[in-house]
Structures are given as C-alpha cells and as structure tokens.
C-alpha cells in the first residue's frame, strides 16, 4: 500500500487569491445575479413598459455607480496605505 502524499494540485473547493478588491468582486457578482432576476420579475412589479424600462435603468445605473464608488474607495485606500509605507521607509 502506498503512503498518502500531499498533492498540491488537488483542489479543495473554489478559492480566490487574497486581494483588496475581493469584496468589490463579490458585490459585482451580486449585481450580476440581482439585475437579471429583476428583469424577469419587473412585469409583475410595475405596469407599463416605460415604467419597467425606467425601473431597470435606475437599478442598473445605481448598481454601476455603487460599484464605481466602491472600487475607487478601495483603490484610494490602497494608494494611501502605499504612500504611508513609502514615507515610513524613507524616514528610516
């Protein structure tokens, strides 16, 4: 009988490399699921194609603005952290 070997190629679920943008990626995934679901049920929520279109446009634009603001916030924080590390290294 062969001893068990630790095979690093064996996958144990789906993993994502650590990244400061992982939360934004998750939110993008939520938007990519939620907006098509809204598209499927918008006929039952609102009467009239103009109101349906307006609701979908508002939802899509709101999601886009949210994702842009969240991404900019994370990138701004990373830039400030990087500047802090650089200035700390220069002071030493």
C-alpha atoms as a PDB file:
ATOM      1  CA  UNK A   1       0.000   0.000   0.000  1.00  0.00           C
ATOM      2  CA  UNK A   2       1.348   3.418  -0.968  1.00  0.00           C
ATOM      3  CA  UNK A   3       1.505   6.139   1.671  1.00  0.00           C
ATOM      4  CA  UNK A   4      -0.746   9.109   1.059  1.00  0.00           C
ATOM      5  CA  UNK A   5       1.097  12.004  -0.447  1.00  0.00           C
ATOM      6  CA  UNK A   6       0.245  15.629  -0.110  1.00  0.00           C
ATOM      7  CA  UNK A   7      -0.662  16.567  -3.644  1.00  0.00           C
ATOM      8  CA  UNK A   8      -0.723  20.347  -4.008  1.00  0.00           C
ATOM      9  CA  UNK A   9      -2.610  20.038  -7.284  1.00  0.00           C
ATOM     10  CA  UNK A  10      -5.658  18.639  -5.516  1.00  0.00           C
ATOM     11  CA  UNK A  11      -8.370  21.277  -5.255  1.00  0.00           C
ATOM     12  CA  UNK A  12     -10.356  21.642  -2.046  1.00  0.00           C
ATOM     13  CA  UNK A  13     -13.200  23.825  -3.201  1.00  0.00           C
ATOM     14  CA  UNK A  14     -13.042  27.063  -5.062  1.00  0.00           C
ATOM     15  CA  UNK A  15     -10.595  29.603  -3.736  1.00  0.00           C
ATOM     16  CA  UNK A  16      -9.773  33.145  -4.667  1.00  0.00           C
ATOM     17  CA  UNK A  17      -6.359  34.662  -4.200  1.00  0.00           C
ATOM     18  CA  UNK A  18      -6.309  37.330  -1.487  1.00  0.00           C
ATOM     19  CA  UNK A  19      -6.989  40.727  -2.975  1.00  0.00           C
ATOM     20  CA  UNK A  20      -8.236  44.021  -1.604  1.00  0.00           C
ATOM     21  CA  UNK A  21     -10.839  44.015  -4.381  1.00  0.00           C
ATOM     22  CA  UNK A  22     -12.442  40.701  -3.365  1.00  0.00           C
ATOM     23  CA  UNK A  23     -15.343  42.478  -1.651  1.00  0.00           C
ATOM     24  CA  UNK A  24     -15.987  44.537  -4.782  1.00  0.00           C
ATOM     25  CA  UNK A  25     -15.835  41.362  -6.885  1.00  0.00           C
ATOM     26  CA  UNK A  26     -18.431  39.778  -4.600  1.00  0.00           C
ATOM     27  CA  UNK A  27     -20.680  42.832  -4.929  1.00  0.00           C
ATOM     28  CA  UNK A  28     -20.319  42.640  -8.712  1.00  0.00           C
ATOM     29  CA  UNK A  29     -21.437  39.023  -8.541  1.00  0.00           C
ATOM     30  CA  UNK A  30     -24.476  40.023  -6.501  1.00  0.00           C
ATOM     31  CA  UNK A  31     -25.351  42.681  -9.073  1.00  0.00           C
ATOM     32  CA  UNK A  32     -24.898  40.207 -11.934  1.00  0.00           C
ATOM     33  CA  UNK A  33     -27.401  37.887 -10.255  1.00  0.00           C
ATOM     34  CA  UNK A  34     -29.849  40.502  -8.942  1.00  0.00           C
ATOM     35  CA  UNK A  35     -30.341  42.575 -12.092  1.00  0.00           C
ATOM     36  CA  UNK A  36     -31.340  39.667 -14.374  1.00  0.00           C
ATOM     37  CA  UNK A  37     -33.706  38.474 -11.639  1.00  0.00           C
ATOM     38  CA  UNK A  38     -35.227  41.961 -11.530  1.00  0.00           C
ATOM     39  CA  UNK A  39     -35.556  41.856 -15.310  1.00  0.00           C
ATOM     40  CA  UNK A  40     -37.511  38.610 -15.020  1.00  0.00           C
ATOM     41  CA  UNK A  41     -39.971  39.914 -12.413  1.00  0.00           C
ATOM     42  CA  UNK A  42     -40.286  43.561 -13.447  1.00  0.00           C
ATOM     43  CA  UNK A  43     -43.539  42.835 -15.332  1.00  0.00           C
ATOM     44  CA  UNK A  44     -45.177  41.767 -12.078  1.00  0.00           C
ATOM     45  CA  UNK A  45     -43.831  44.738 -10.120  1.00  0.00           C
ATOM     46  CA  UNK A  46     -44.706  47.634 -12.429  1.00  0.00           C
ATOM     47  CA  UNK A  47     -47.322  48.145 -15.133  1.00  0.00           C
ATOM     48  CA  UNK A  48     -46.368  49.730 -18.453  1.00  0.00           C
ATOM     49  CA  UNK A  49     -43.233  49.225 -20.459  1.00  0.00           C
ATOM     50  CA  UNK A  50     -41.984  52.771 -19.842  1.00  0.00           C
ATOM     51  CA  UNK A  51     -42.127  52.327 -16.081  1.00  0.00           C
ATOM     52  CA  UNK A  52     -40.489  48.896 -16.394  1.00  0.00           C
ATOM     53  CA  UNK A  53     -37.698  50.333 -18.513  1.00  0.00           C
ATOM     54  CA  UNK A  54     -37.251  53.212 -16.070  1.00  0.00           C
ATOM     55  CA  UNK A  55     -37.028  50.819 -13.125  1.00  0.00           C
ATOM     56  CA  UNK A  56     -34.424  48.686 -14.897  1.00  0.00           C
ATOM     57  CA  UNK A  57     -32.419  51.770 -15.893  1.00  0.00           C
ATOM     58  CA  UNK A  58     -32.479  53.155 -12.362  1.00  0.00           C
ATOM     59  CA  UNK A  59     -31.443  49.792 -10.904  1.00  0.00           C
ATOM     60  CA  UNK A  60     -28.644  49.337 -13.442  1.00  0.00           C
ATOM     61  CA  UNK A  61     -27.305  52.867 -13.057  1.00  0.00           C
ATOM     62  CA  UNK A  62     -27.472  52.646  -9.276  1.00  0.00           C
ATOM     63  CA  UNK A  63     -25.543  49.377  -9.336  1.00  0.00           C
ATOM     64  CA  UNK A  64     -22.945  50.828 -11.712  1.00  0.00           C
ATOM     65  CA  UNK A  65     -22.429  53.955  -9.613  1.00  0.00           C
ATOM     66  CA  UNK A  66     -22.196  51.853  -6.444  1.00  0.00           C
ATOM     67  CA  UNK A  67     -19.527  49.602  -7.957  1.00  0.00           C
ATOM     68  CA  UNK A  68     -17.531  52.541  -9.302  1.00  0.00           C
ATOM     69  CA  UNK A  69     -17.606  54.330  -5.933  1.00  0.00           C
ATOM     70  CA  UNK A  70     -16.655  51.157  -4.027  1.00  0.00           C
ATOM     71  CA  UNK A  71     -13.779  50.434  -6.425  1.00  0.00           C
ATOM     72  CA  UNK A  72     -12.483  53.990  -6.197  1.00  0.00           C
ATOM     73  CA  UNK A  73     -12.720  53.843  -2.403  1.00  0.00           C
ATOM     74  CA  UNK A  74     -10.697  50.632  -2.202  1.00  0.00           C
ATOM     75  CA  UNK A  75      -8.085  51.913  -4.659  1.00  0.00           C
ATOM     76  CA  UNK A  76      -7.814  55.228  -2.798  1.00  0.00           C
ATOM     77  CA  UNK A  77      -7.289  53.378   0.487  1.00  0.00           C
ATOM     78  CA  UNK A  78      -4.616  51.185  -1.103  1.00  0.00           C
ATOM     79  CA  UNK A  79      -2.865  54.250  -2.508  1.00  0.00           C
ATOM     80  CA  UNK A  80      -2.859  55.940   0.914  1.00  0.00           C
ATOM     81  CA  UNK A  81      -1.510  52.777   2.546  1.00  0.00           C
ATOM     82  CA  UNK A  82       1.200  52.529  -0.109  1.00  0.00           C
ATOM     83  CA  UNK A  83       2.184  56.172   0.434  1.00  0.00           C
ATOM     84  CA  UNK A  84       2.343  55.544   4.173  1.00  0.00           C
ATOM     85  CA  UNK A  85       4.644  52.554   3.670  1.00  0.00           C
ATOM     86  CA  UNK A  86       6.865  54.527   1.291  1.00  0.00           C
ATOM     87  CA  UNK A  87       7.100  57.542   3.598  1.00  0.00           C
ATOM     88  CA  UNK A  88       7.823  55.281   6.567  1.00  0.00           C
ATOM     89  CA  UNK A  89      10.625  53.587   4.633  1.00  0.00           C
ATOM     90  CA  UNK A  90      12.087  56.967   3.638  1.00  0.00           C
ATOM     91  CA  UNK A  91      12.099  58.220   7.237  1.00  0.00           C
ATOM     92  CA  UNK A  92      14.151  55.241   8.456  1.00  0.00           C
END
